[in-house]
N, C-alpha and C. Protein backbone atom coordinates (compact mmCIF):
# COMPACT_ATOMS: atom_id res chain seq x y z
N MET A 1 43.25 160.76 -126.03
CA MET A 1 43.84 159.51 -126.48
C MET A 1 45.18 159.25 -125.79
N PHE A 2 45.37 159.78 -124.63
CA PHE A 2 46.64 159.61 -123.94
C PHE A 2 46.43 158.95 -122.59
N PHE A 3 47.40 158.11 -122.22
CA PHE A 3 47.40 157.54 -120.88
C PHE A 3 47.72 158.63 -119.86
N THR A 4 47.35 158.40 -118.64
CA THR A 4 47.83 159.26 -117.57
C THR A 4 49.31 158.97 -117.36
N ARG A 5 49.97 159.86 -116.65
CA ARG A 5 51.40 159.66 -116.40
C ARG A 5 51.65 158.38 -115.62
N GLN A 6 50.74 158.04 -114.70
CA GLN A 6 50.92 156.81 -113.93
C GLN A 6 50.83 155.59 -114.83
N ILE A 7 49.95 155.63 -115.80
CA ILE A 7 49.82 154.50 -116.72
C ILE A 7 51.07 154.38 -117.56
N PHE A 8 51.60 155.52 -118.02
CA PHE A 8 52.83 155.48 -118.80
C PHE A 8 53.95 154.83 -118.00
N ILE A 9 54.05 155.20 -116.73
CA ILE A 9 55.13 154.68 -115.90
C ILE A 9 55.01 153.17 -115.75
N SER A 10 53.79 152.65 -115.67
CA SER A 10 53.61 151.22 -115.46
C SER A 10 53.72 150.41 -116.74
N LEU A 11 53.78 151.07 -117.88
CA LEU A 11 53.91 150.33 -119.14
C LEU A 11 55.35 149.89 -119.36
N SER A 12 55.52 148.99 -120.33
CA SER A 12 56.83 148.42 -120.62
C SER A 12 57.63 149.31 -121.54
N VAL A 13 58.85 148.88 -121.82
CA VAL A 13 59.69 149.60 -122.76
C VAL A 13 59.03 149.63 -124.13
N PHE A 14 58.23 148.63 -124.39
CA PHE A 14 57.45 148.63 -125.63
C PHE A 14 56.68 149.93 -125.76
N PHE A 15 56.05 150.38 -124.68
CA PHE A 15 55.31 151.61 -124.73
C PHE A 15 56.22 152.82 -124.57
N SER A 16 57.48 152.61 -124.21
CA SER A 16 58.40 153.74 -124.27
C SER A 16 58.65 154.10 -125.72
N PHE A 17 58.49 153.12 -126.61
CA PHE A 17 58.58 153.42 -128.03
C PHE A 17 57.37 154.23 -128.48
N LEU A 18 56.34 154.28 -127.66
CA LEU A 18 55.19 155.13 -127.95
C LEU A 18 55.42 156.54 -127.43
N GLY A 19 56.54 156.72 -126.73
CA GLY A 19 56.82 158.00 -126.13
C GLY A 19 56.62 157.97 -124.64
N ALA A 20 56.40 156.75 -124.09
CA ALA A 20 56.16 156.62 -122.66
C ALA A 20 57.44 156.30 -121.94
N SER A 21 57.32 156.17 -120.64
CA SER A 21 58.43 155.78 -119.80
C SER A 21 58.50 154.27 -119.73
N HIS A 22 59.58 153.70 -119.22
CA HIS A 22 59.72 152.26 -119.23
C HIS A 22 59.09 151.64 -118.00
N GLY A 23 58.85 150.30 -118.12
CA GLY A 23 58.25 149.54 -117.03
C GLY A 23 58.89 148.19 -116.94
N SER A 24 58.07 147.13 -116.85
CA SER A 24 58.63 145.82 -116.58
C SER A 24 58.68 144.93 -117.80
N SER A 25 57.59 144.83 -118.56
CA SER A 25 57.57 143.89 -119.67
C SER A 25 56.51 144.26 -120.67
N ILE A 26 56.77 143.96 -121.94
CA ILE A 26 55.78 144.20 -122.97
C ILE A 26 54.50 143.46 -122.67
N MET A 27 54.60 142.30 -122.03
CA MET A 27 53.43 141.52 -121.71
C MET A 27 52.74 142.00 -120.43
N GLY A 28 53.36 142.94 -119.72
CA GLY A 28 52.73 143.48 -118.52
C GLY A 28 52.55 142.44 -117.44
N GLU A 29 51.54 142.65 -116.57
CA GLU A 29 51.23 141.70 -115.52
C GLU A 29 50.12 140.80 -116.03
N MET A 30 50.46 139.54 -116.40
CA MET A 30 49.49 138.66 -117.00
C MET A 30 48.49 138.17 -115.95
N HIS A 31 47.21 138.25 -116.30
CA HIS A 31 46.22 137.74 -115.37
C HIS A 31 44.87 137.65 -116.04
N ASP A 32 43.95 136.92 -115.44
CA ASP A 32 42.53 137.01 -115.75
C ASP A 32 41.79 136.56 -114.51
N SER A 33 40.48 136.31 -114.65
CA SER A 33 39.69 135.96 -113.48
C SER A 33 40.01 134.57 -112.96
N ARG A 34 40.65 133.73 -113.80
CA ARG A 34 41.03 132.40 -113.35
C ARG A 34 42.37 132.45 -112.64
N GLU A 35 42.65 131.42 -111.89
CA GLU A 35 43.96 131.32 -111.24
C GLU A 35 44.98 130.95 -112.30
N MET A 36 46.10 131.64 -112.30
CA MET A 36 47.12 131.38 -113.30
C MET A 36 47.71 129.99 -113.11
N PRO A 37 47.78 129.19 -114.17
CA PRO A 37 48.38 127.87 -114.04
C PRO A 37 49.89 127.96 -113.91
N GLU A 38 50.48 126.93 -113.40
CA GLU A 38 51.94 126.87 -113.33
C GLU A 38 52.47 126.77 -114.74
N VAL A 39 53.45 127.60 -115.07
CA VAL A 39 53.96 127.65 -116.44
C VAL A 39 54.97 126.54 -116.65
N PRO A 40 54.67 125.56 -117.50
CA PRO A 40 55.63 124.49 -117.76
C PRO A 40 56.72 124.96 -118.70
N GLU A 41 57.83 124.27 -118.66
CA GLU A 41 58.91 124.58 -119.58
C GLU A 41 58.48 124.21 -121.00
N VAL A 42 58.86 125.08 -121.95
CA VAL A 42 58.43 124.86 -123.32
C VAL A 42 59.05 123.61 -123.91
N GLY A 43 60.19 123.19 -123.43
CA GLY A 43 60.86 122.04 -124.00
C GLY A 43 60.51 120.71 -123.37
N GLU A 44 59.44 120.64 -122.57
CA GLU A 44 59.10 119.40 -121.90
C GLU A 44 58.60 118.36 -122.90
N ASN A 45 58.45 117.10 -122.39
CA ASN A 45 58.03 116.01 -123.26
C ASN A 45 56.53 116.08 -123.52
N ARG A 46 56.13 117.06 -124.27
CA ARG A 46 54.74 117.18 -124.68
C ARG A 46 54.71 117.99 -125.96
N ASP A 47 53.73 117.75 -126.76
CA ASP A 47 53.63 118.48 -128.01
C ASP A 47 52.98 119.84 -127.78
N PRO A 48 53.65 120.93 -128.12
CA PRO A 48 53.03 122.24 -127.98
C PRO A 48 51.81 122.34 -128.90
N LEU A 49 50.88 123.16 -128.53
CA LEU A 49 49.68 123.35 -129.34
C LEU A 49 49.85 124.61 -130.18
N HIS A 50 49.71 124.44 -131.47
CA HIS A 50 49.91 125.54 -132.40
C HIS A 50 48.70 125.64 -133.33
N PRO A 51 47.61 126.24 -132.86
CA PRO A 51 46.40 126.34 -133.69
C PRO A 51 46.70 127.04 -135.02
N PRO A 52 46.17 126.52 -136.12
CA PRO A 52 46.48 127.12 -137.42
C PRO A 52 46.03 128.57 -137.54
N GLU A 53 44.96 128.94 -136.81
CA GLU A 53 44.50 130.33 -136.91
C GLU A 53 45.49 131.31 -136.29
N TRP A 54 46.44 130.81 -135.50
CA TRP A 54 47.47 131.69 -134.93
C TRP A 54 48.60 131.96 -135.91
N LEU A 55 48.79 131.09 -136.86
CA LEU A 55 49.98 131.16 -137.70
C LEU A 55 49.97 132.40 -138.59
N GLY A 56 51.16 132.92 -138.82
CA GLY A 56 51.30 134.10 -139.66
C GLY A 56 51.73 135.32 -138.86
N ARG A 57 51.59 136.47 -139.49
CA ARG A 57 52.06 137.72 -138.89
C ARG A 57 50.87 138.55 -138.40
N TRP A 58 51.08 139.15 -137.23
CA TRP A 58 50.06 139.99 -136.61
C TRP A 58 50.63 141.38 -136.33
N HIS A 59 49.83 142.40 -136.58
CA HIS A 59 50.23 143.78 -136.29
C HIS A 59 49.42 144.32 -135.12
N TYR A 60 50.09 144.96 -134.17
CA TYR A 60 49.39 145.62 -133.08
C TYR A 60 48.67 146.85 -133.63
N VAL A 61 47.35 146.94 -133.37
CA VAL A 61 46.58 148.04 -133.95
C VAL A 61 45.87 148.91 -132.91
N ARG A 62 45.47 148.34 -131.77
CA ARG A 62 44.75 149.15 -130.79
C ARG A 62 44.75 148.44 -129.44
N TYR A 63 44.16 149.11 -128.43
CA TYR A 63 44.12 148.53 -127.09
C TYR A 63 42.81 148.92 -126.42
N ILE A 64 42.47 148.19 -125.36
CA ILE A 64 41.29 148.49 -124.54
C ILE A 64 41.77 148.67 -123.10
N TYR A 65 41.42 149.79 -122.51
CA TYR A 65 41.80 150.06 -121.12
C TYR A 65 40.63 150.73 -120.42
N GLN A 66 40.27 150.20 -119.25
CA GLN A 66 39.15 150.71 -118.47
C GLN A 66 37.88 150.76 -119.31
N GLY A 67 37.72 149.72 -120.14
CA GLY A 67 36.52 149.58 -120.95
C GLY A 67 36.45 150.46 -122.17
N GLN A 68 37.50 151.24 -122.43
CA GLN A 68 37.50 152.13 -123.58
C GLN A 68 38.50 151.65 -124.62
N GLU A 69 38.04 151.55 -125.86
CA GLU A 69 38.90 151.10 -126.95
C GLU A 69 39.58 152.29 -127.58
N ASN A 70 40.89 152.17 -127.81
CA ASN A 70 41.70 153.26 -128.35
C ASN A 70 42.61 152.74 -129.45
N PRO A 71 42.92 153.59 -130.43
CA PRO A 71 43.87 153.18 -131.47
C PRO A 71 45.30 153.19 -130.94
N ASN A 72 46.20 152.68 -131.73
CA ASN A 72 47.62 152.74 -131.42
C ASN A 72 48.00 154.18 -131.09
N LEU A 73 48.67 154.38 -129.95
CA LEU A 73 49.01 155.73 -129.52
C LEU A 73 49.91 156.45 -130.52
N ASN A 74 50.76 155.69 -131.17
CA ASN A 74 51.71 156.30 -132.10
C ASN A 74 51.59 155.60 -133.45
N PRO A 75 51.01 156.25 -134.47
CA PRO A 75 50.85 155.60 -135.77
C PRO A 75 52.16 155.26 -136.45
N ASN A 76 53.27 155.86 -135.99
CA ASN A 76 54.58 155.54 -136.55
C ASN A 76 55.19 154.30 -135.93
N LEU A 77 54.56 153.79 -134.88
CA LEU A 77 55.07 152.60 -134.21
C LEU A 77 54.56 151.35 -134.93
N LEU A 78 55.47 150.49 -135.32
CA LEU A 78 55.12 149.24 -135.98
C LEU A 78 55.55 148.09 -135.08
N VAL A 79 54.58 147.30 -134.65
CA VAL A 79 54.84 146.15 -133.79
C VAL A 79 54.27 144.91 -134.47
N THR A 80 55.09 143.89 -134.64
CA THR A 80 54.62 142.67 -135.27
C THR A 80 54.97 141.46 -134.42
N PHE A 81 54.06 140.50 -134.40
CA PHE A 81 54.26 139.21 -133.77
C PHE A 81 54.04 138.18 -134.86
N GLU A 82 55.00 137.31 -135.07
CA GLU A 82 54.88 136.29 -136.12
C GLU A 82 54.97 134.90 -135.49
N PHE A 83 53.97 134.07 -135.75
CA PHE A 83 53.91 132.72 -135.21
C PHE A 83 54.07 131.70 -136.33
N LYS A 84 54.95 130.73 -136.09
CA LYS A 84 55.23 129.71 -137.10
C LYS A 84 54.77 128.34 -136.62
N ALA A 85 54.52 127.45 -137.59
CA ALA A 85 54.00 126.13 -137.27
C ALA A 85 55.00 125.26 -136.53
N ASP A 86 56.29 125.59 -136.61
CA ASP A 86 57.30 124.79 -135.90
C ASP A 86 57.41 125.18 -134.43
N GLY A 87 56.54 126.07 -133.96
CA GLY A 87 56.55 126.45 -132.55
C GLY A 87 57.44 127.61 -132.22
N THR A 88 57.97 128.29 -133.21
CA THR A 88 58.81 129.47 -132.97
C THR A 88 58.02 130.74 -133.28
N ASP A 89 58.47 131.84 -132.71
CA ASP A 89 57.83 133.12 -132.99
C ASP A 89 58.87 134.23 -133.01
N ILE A 90 58.48 135.36 -133.57
CA ILE A 90 59.35 136.53 -133.66
C ILE A 90 58.54 137.75 -133.23
N LEU A 91 59.09 138.52 -132.31
CA LEU A 91 58.48 139.78 -131.88
C LEU A 91 59.41 140.92 -132.26
N ARG A 92 58.88 141.91 -132.97
CA ARG A 92 59.68 143.07 -133.39
C ARG A 92 58.88 144.35 -133.18
N TRP A 93 59.59 145.42 -132.89
CA TRP A 93 58.95 146.74 -132.97
C TRP A 93 59.98 147.81 -133.24
N TYR A 94 59.54 148.84 -133.92
CA TYR A 94 60.37 150.01 -134.22
C TYR A 94 59.44 151.15 -134.61
N ARG A 95 60.02 152.35 -134.75
CA ARG A 95 59.24 153.50 -135.17
C ARG A 95 59.77 154.01 -136.50
N ARG A 96 58.83 154.37 -137.38
CA ARG A 96 59.22 154.90 -138.68
C ARG A 96 60.07 156.16 -138.52
N ASN A 97 61.04 156.26 -139.42
CA ASN A 97 61.90 157.45 -139.49
C ASN A 97 62.73 157.68 -138.24
N GLU A 98 62.89 156.64 -137.42
CA GLU A 98 63.73 156.75 -136.23
C GLU A 98 64.65 155.54 -136.15
N GLU A 99 65.84 155.77 -135.61
CA GLU A 99 66.78 154.68 -135.45
C GLU A 99 66.39 153.82 -134.26
N GLY A 100 66.86 152.57 -134.29
CA GLY A 100 66.64 151.68 -133.17
C GLY A 100 65.45 150.76 -133.37
N PHE A 101 65.57 149.56 -132.83
CA PHE A 101 64.50 148.58 -132.90
C PHE A 101 64.69 147.58 -131.77
N CYS A 102 63.66 146.78 -131.52
CA CYS A 102 63.73 145.67 -130.57
C CYS A 102 63.26 144.41 -131.29
N GLU A 103 63.99 143.33 -131.11
CA GLU A 103 63.63 142.08 -131.77
C GLU A 103 64.09 140.90 -130.92
N ARG A 104 63.24 139.89 -130.85
CA ARG A 104 63.64 138.66 -130.19
C ARG A 104 62.84 137.50 -130.78
N ARG A 105 63.34 136.29 -130.57
CA ARG A 105 62.66 135.07 -131.02
C ARG A 105 62.28 134.23 -129.80
N GLY A 106 61.31 133.38 -129.99
CA GLY A 106 60.86 132.56 -128.87
C GLY A 106 60.23 131.26 -129.33
N GLU A 107 59.78 130.49 -128.34
CA GLU A 107 59.01 129.26 -128.58
C GLU A 107 57.65 129.46 -127.94
N TRP A 108 56.60 129.13 -128.66
CA TRP A 108 55.26 129.46 -128.20
C TRP A 108 54.33 128.26 -128.28
N ARG A 109 53.23 128.38 -127.53
CA ARG A 109 52.10 127.47 -127.68
C ARG A 109 50.87 128.12 -127.07
N PHE A 110 49.71 127.65 -127.47
CA PHE A 110 48.45 128.13 -126.93
C PHE A 110 47.79 126.96 -126.22
N ASP A 111 47.69 127.05 -124.88
CA ASP A 111 47.27 125.91 -124.08
C ASP A 111 46.20 126.35 -123.09
N THR A 112 45.01 125.73 -123.18
CA THR A 112 43.89 125.98 -122.27
C THR A 112 43.63 127.47 -122.06
N GLY A 113 43.62 128.21 -123.16
CA GLY A 113 43.29 129.62 -123.10
C GLY A 113 44.44 130.55 -122.80
N PHE A 114 45.66 130.00 -122.68
CA PHE A 114 46.83 130.82 -122.36
C PHE A 114 47.86 130.74 -123.48
N PHE A 115 48.38 131.90 -123.84
CA PHE A 115 49.50 132.00 -124.77
C PHE A 115 50.78 131.93 -123.95
N ILE A 116 51.53 130.85 -124.12
CA ILE A 116 52.76 130.63 -123.36
C ILE A 116 53.95 130.83 -124.29
N ASP A 117 54.88 131.66 -123.86
CA ASP A 117 55.98 132.06 -124.73
C ASP A 117 57.28 132.10 -123.95
N LYS A 118 58.33 131.54 -124.53
CA LYS A 118 59.65 131.55 -123.90
C LYS A 118 60.66 132.18 -124.87
N VAL A 119 61.39 133.17 -124.40
CA VAL A 119 62.38 133.86 -125.23
C VAL A 119 63.60 132.96 -125.41
N THR A 120 63.98 132.73 -126.66
CA THR A 120 65.12 131.85 -126.95
C THR A 120 66.30 132.60 -127.57
N TRP A 121 66.07 133.79 -128.09
CA TRP A 121 67.15 134.56 -128.72
C TRP A 121 66.79 136.03 -128.70
N VAL A 122 67.77 136.86 -128.39
CA VAL A 122 67.58 138.31 -128.37
C VAL A 122 68.58 138.93 -129.33
N ASN A 123 68.12 139.77 -130.20
CA ASN A 123 68.99 140.39 -131.20
C ASN A 123 70.05 141.25 -130.51
N PRO A 124 71.33 140.95 -130.73
CA PRO A 124 72.38 141.74 -130.08
C PRO A 124 72.45 143.18 -130.58
N ARG A 125 71.78 143.47 -131.69
CA ARG A 125 71.79 144.83 -132.23
C ARG A 125 70.61 145.66 -131.73
N ASN A 126 69.86 145.12 -130.78
CA ASN A 126 68.73 145.86 -130.23
C ASN A 126 69.16 147.20 -129.65
N ALA A 127 68.24 148.15 -129.66
CA ALA A 127 68.48 149.43 -128.98
C ALA A 127 68.72 149.18 -127.49
N SER A 128 69.49 150.03 -126.87
CA SER A 128 69.87 149.80 -125.47
C SER A 128 68.67 149.74 -124.54
N GLU A 129 67.61 150.53 -124.82
CA GLU A 129 66.46 150.52 -123.92
C GLU A 129 65.64 149.24 -124.00
N CYS A 130 65.88 148.42 -125.02
CA CYS A 130 65.13 147.16 -125.13
C CYS A 130 65.38 146.26 -123.93
N SER A 131 66.58 146.32 -123.37
CA SER A 131 66.93 145.43 -122.26
C SER A 131 66.12 145.75 -121.00
N LEU A 132 65.49 146.92 -120.95
CA LEU A 132 64.65 147.25 -119.80
C LEU A 132 63.34 146.46 -119.80
N ASP A 133 63.01 145.88 -120.93
CA ASP A 133 61.80 145.08 -121.04
C ASP A 133 62.15 143.62 -120.80
N GLN A 134 61.55 142.99 -119.80
CA GLN A 134 61.87 141.60 -119.48
C GLN A 134 61.52 140.66 -120.62
N ASP A 135 60.59 141.05 -121.47
CA ASP A 135 60.24 140.21 -122.60
C ASP A 135 61.34 140.21 -123.66
N MET A 136 62.38 141.01 -123.46
CA MET A 136 63.55 140.99 -124.32
C MET A 136 64.73 140.36 -123.62
N HIS A 137 64.47 139.53 -122.61
CA HIS A 137 65.52 138.83 -121.88
C HIS A 137 65.53 137.35 -122.25
N GLN A 138 66.71 136.83 -122.47
CA GLN A 138 66.87 135.41 -122.77
C GLN A 138 66.22 134.55 -121.70
N ASP A 139 65.46 133.53 -122.13
CA ASP A 139 64.82 132.53 -121.26
C ASP A 139 63.62 133.06 -120.48
N HIS A 140 63.23 134.30 -120.72
CA HIS A 140 62.04 134.81 -120.03
C HIS A 140 60.80 134.06 -120.52
N VAL A 141 59.94 133.63 -119.59
CA VAL A 141 58.71 132.90 -119.91
C VAL A 141 57.51 133.71 -119.46
N SER A 142 56.53 133.84 -120.34
CA SER A 142 55.30 134.55 -119.99
C SER A 142 54.11 133.67 -120.31
N SER A 143 53.03 133.89 -119.58
CA SER A 143 51.77 133.17 -119.80
C SER A 143 50.65 134.20 -119.80
N THR A 144 49.99 134.35 -120.94
CA THR A 144 49.04 135.42 -121.14
C THR A 144 47.69 134.88 -121.58
N PRO A 145 46.60 135.20 -120.88
CA PRO A 145 45.27 134.85 -121.39
C PRO A 145 45.08 135.45 -122.77
N ALA A 146 44.55 134.66 -123.70
CA ALA A 146 44.44 135.13 -125.07
C ALA A 146 43.29 134.44 -125.78
N ARG A 147 42.84 135.07 -126.85
CA ARG A 147 41.85 134.46 -127.72
C ARG A 147 41.92 135.12 -129.09
N ILE A 148 41.36 134.44 -130.07
CA ILE A 148 41.27 134.99 -131.41
C ILE A 148 39.79 135.18 -131.75
N ALA A 149 39.44 136.38 -132.17
CA ALA A 149 38.06 136.70 -132.53
C ALA A 149 38.06 137.57 -133.77
N ARG A 150 37.28 137.18 -134.77
CA ARG A 150 37.16 137.95 -136.01
C ARG A 150 38.53 138.26 -136.61
N GLU A 151 39.38 137.23 -136.62
CA GLU A 151 40.73 137.36 -137.18
C GLU A 151 41.55 138.43 -136.46
N GLU A 152 41.26 138.62 -135.19
CA GLU A 152 42.06 139.49 -134.34
C GLU A 152 42.55 138.69 -133.15
N LEU A 153 43.78 138.96 -132.74
CA LEU A 153 44.37 138.33 -131.57
C LEU A 153 44.25 139.29 -130.39
N TRP A 154 43.61 138.82 -129.32
CA TRP A 154 43.44 139.62 -128.11
C TRP A 154 44.30 139.04 -127.01
N LEU A 155 45.20 139.85 -126.46
CA LEU A 155 46.04 139.45 -125.33
C LEU A 155 45.59 140.24 -124.10
N TYR A 156 45.18 139.51 -123.06
CA TYR A 156 44.60 140.14 -121.87
C TYR A 156 45.67 140.28 -120.80
N MET A 157 45.86 141.52 -120.33
CA MET A 157 46.85 141.82 -119.32
C MET A 157 46.25 142.68 -118.23
N SER A 158 47.04 142.96 -117.21
CA SER A 158 46.59 143.81 -116.11
C SER A 158 47.53 144.98 -115.97
N MET A 159 46.98 146.15 -115.71
CA MET A 159 47.80 147.33 -115.51
C MET A 159 47.15 148.17 -114.41
N GLY A 160 47.85 148.29 -113.30
CA GLY A 160 47.31 149.05 -112.18
C GLY A 160 46.03 148.47 -111.63
N GLY A 161 45.87 147.15 -111.74
CA GLY A 161 44.67 146.50 -111.25
C GLY A 161 43.52 146.49 -112.23
N ASP A 162 43.67 147.17 -113.37
CA ASP A 162 42.64 147.20 -114.41
C ASP A 162 43.07 146.34 -115.58
N GLU A 163 42.09 145.78 -116.27
CA GLU A 163 42.40 144.95 -117.43
C GLU A 163 42.88 145.82 -118.58
N PHE A 164 43.94 145.38 -119.21
CA PHE A 164 44.52 146.06 -120.36
C PHE A 164 44.62 145.03 -121.48
N THR A 165 43.99 145.29 -122.60
CA THR A 165 43.93 144.32 -123.70
C THR A 165 44.63 144.88 -124.92
N MET A 166 45.60 144.14 -125.42
CA MET A 166 46.26 144.49 -126.68
C MET A 166 45.58 143.73 -127.80
N ILE A 167 45.27 144.42 -128.89
CA ILE A 167 44.56 143.81 -130.02
C ILE A 167 45.47 143.86 -131.24
N TRP A 168 45.61 142.69 -131.86
CA TRP A 168 46.49 142.53 -133.02
C TRP A 168 45.65 142.09 -134.22
N GLU A 169 46.01 142.60 -135.38
CA GLU A 169 45.28 142.29 -136.62
C GLU A 169 46.10 141.35 -137.47
N HIS A 170 45.45 140.32 -138.00
CA HIS A 170 46.14 139.33 -138.81
C HIS A 170 46.48 139.92 -140.17
N VAL A 171 47.73 139.77 -140.58
CA VAL A 171 48.17 140.25 -141.88
C VAL A 171 48.05 139.11 -142.86
N LYS A 172 47.18 139.25 -143.82
CA LYS A 172 46.96 138.20 -144.80
C LYS A 172 48.16 138.10 -145.74
N ALA A 173 48.65 136.88 -145.89
CA ALA A 173 49.74 136.66 -146.84
C ALA A 173 49.16 136.56 -148.24
N PRO A 174 49.84 137.11 -149.24
CA PRO A 174 49.32 136.99 -150.60
C PRO A 174 49.30 135.55 -151.05
N GLN A 175 48.22 135.16 -151.68
CA GLN A 175 48.09 133.79 -152.14
C GLN A 175 48.85 133.61 -153.44
N ASN A 176 49.61 132.51 -153.50
CA ASN A 176 50.37 132.20 -154.71
C ASN A 176 49.48 131.42 -155.68
N ARG A 177 48.71 132.15 -156.41
CA ARG A 177 47.82 131.51 -157.37
C ARG A 177 48.54 131.28 -158.68
N ALA A 178 48.34 130.11 -159.23
CA ALA A 178 48.96 129.80 -160.51
C ALA A 178 48.31 130.66 -161.60
N ILE A 179 49.14 131.34 -162.34
CA ILE A 179 48.63 132.18 -163.42
C ILE A 179 48.53 131.33 -164.68
N PRO A 180 47.33 131.18 -165.23
CA PRO A 180 47.20 130.33 -166.42
C PRO A 180 47.99 130.91 -167.58
N ARG A 181 48.59 130.03 -168.32
CA ARG A 181 49.37 130.45 -169.47
C ARG A 181 48.44 130.97 -170.55
N ARG A 182 48.67 132.18 -170.96
CA ARG A 182 47.79 132.79 -171.94
C ARG A 182 48.10 132.26 -173.33
N GLN A 183 47.04 132.02 -174.06
CA GLN A 183 47.19 131.58 -175.43
C GLN A 183 47.36 132.81 -176.32
N VAL A 184 48.54 132.96 -176.85
CA VAL A 184 48.83 134.11 -177.68
C VAL A 184 48.77 133.69 -179.14
N ARG A 185 47.90 134.34 -179.86
CA ARG A 185 47.78 134.03 -181.29
C ARG A 185 48.81 134.85 -182.06
N VAL A 186 49.68 134.15 -182.74
CA VAL A 186 50.72 134.80 -183.52
C VAL A 186 50.20 135.00 -184.93
N SER A 187 50.18 136.23 -185.36
CA SER A 187 49.71 136.52 -186.72
C SER A 187 50.85 137.15 -187.51
N ARG A 188 50.76 136.97 -188.79
CA ARG A 188 51.76 137.56 -189.67
C ARG A 188 51.42 139.03 -189.88
N PHE A 189 52.37 139.87 -189.55
CA PHE A 189 52.14 141.32 -189.67
C PHE A 189 52.82 141.81 -190.93
N ASP A 190 52.08 142.53 -191.72
CA ASP A 190 52.59 143.04 -193.00
C ASP A 190 53.31 144.36 -192.74
N TYR A 191 54.60 144.24 -192.39
CA TYR A 191 55.37 145.44 -192.09
C TYR A 191 55.51 146.34 -193.31
N ALA A 192 55.63 145.74 -194.49
CA ALA A 192 55.81 146.55 -195.71
C ALA A 192 54.60 147.44 -195.93
N ALA A 193 53.40 146.86 -195.77
CA ALA A 193 52.19 147.67 -195.96
C ALA A 193 52.09 148.74 -194.88
N HIS A 194 52.52 148.37 -193.65
CA HIS A 194 52.44 149.34 -192.55
C HIS A 194 53.32 150.55 -192.82
N TRP A 195 54.55 150.29 -193.17
CA TRP A 195 55.46 151.41 -193.38
C TRP A 195 55.08 152.20 -194.62
N SER A 196 54.48 151.54 -195.61
CA SER A 196 54.06 152.29 -196.79
C SER A 196 52.93 153.25 -196.42
N ARG A 197 52.04 152.82 -195.49
CA ARG A 197 50.98 153.71 -195.05
C ARG A 197 51.57 154.88 -194.25
N GLU A 198 52.57 154.57 -193.38
CA GLU A 198 53.20 155.63 -192.60
C GLU A 198 53.85 156.66 -193.52
N SER A 199 54.50 156.17 -194.59
CA SER A 199 55.21 157.09 -195.47
C SER A 199 54.25 157.95 -196.27
N SER A 200 52.99 157.47 -196.41
CA SER A 200 52.03 158.25 -197.19
C SER A 200 51.38 159.36 -196.39
N LEU A 201 51.62 159.38 -195.07
CA LEU A 201 51.03 160.41 -194.24
C LEU A 201 51.72 161.74 -194.49
N PRO A 202 51.00 162.87 -194.32
CA PRO A 202 51.64 164.17 -194.53
C PRO A 202 52.71 164.41 -193.48
N PRO A 203 53.76 165.14 -193.83
CA PRO A 203 54.84 165.39 -192.87
C PRO A 203 54.35 166.24 -191.70
N LEU A 204 54.98 166.01 -190.54
CA LEU A 204 54.64 166.78 -189.36
C LEU A 204 55.11 168.21 -189.52
N PRO A 205 54.35 169.18 -189.01
CA PRO A 205 54.80 170.58 -189.11
C PRO A 205 56.04 170.79 -188.27
N ARG A 206 56.93 171.65 -188.74
CA ARG A 206 58.16 171.95 -188.04
C ARG A 206 57.98 173.14 -187.12
């Protein structure tokens, strides 16, 4: 369940949180079989596309490399991507029981099969190694082939010329269901009779 050393070297700082060495970007080298479109600025005069099935929080759970599906290399690593209807997103990761984290905010859209994301804010309290990841740089723009299948988000990337797919699981938000007001029947309780029965019981042994 381990990458080769060469794969570790080519991964991003995100995977350095897995215990790997640093690379270029959490998003890696974005590509698919189609020619990559020119990435437009997120703030242009057009409405970004924000499909409702994207909204909410996603947890990174596993990956596919060289046709083999593998679980998260480090179960203590927590990585979340949160997409909001206003076109903003939040990317965070950290490891349980260890200091340090990486966090940034961005503007996103899903357009013609590509997840387009622009970093708009980087947490100044990030761990120092976060800056080695370009996806933690202000104004960095990425374009990643993506799709949603069975309530999972698949991000398709390239690593060493091979396809590398990150798979994220949708975290269901608890539904705020209205709790019906219970009808409580108030009855008159005969405390005098109750205590008289209690007093008639034999004393407890000492």
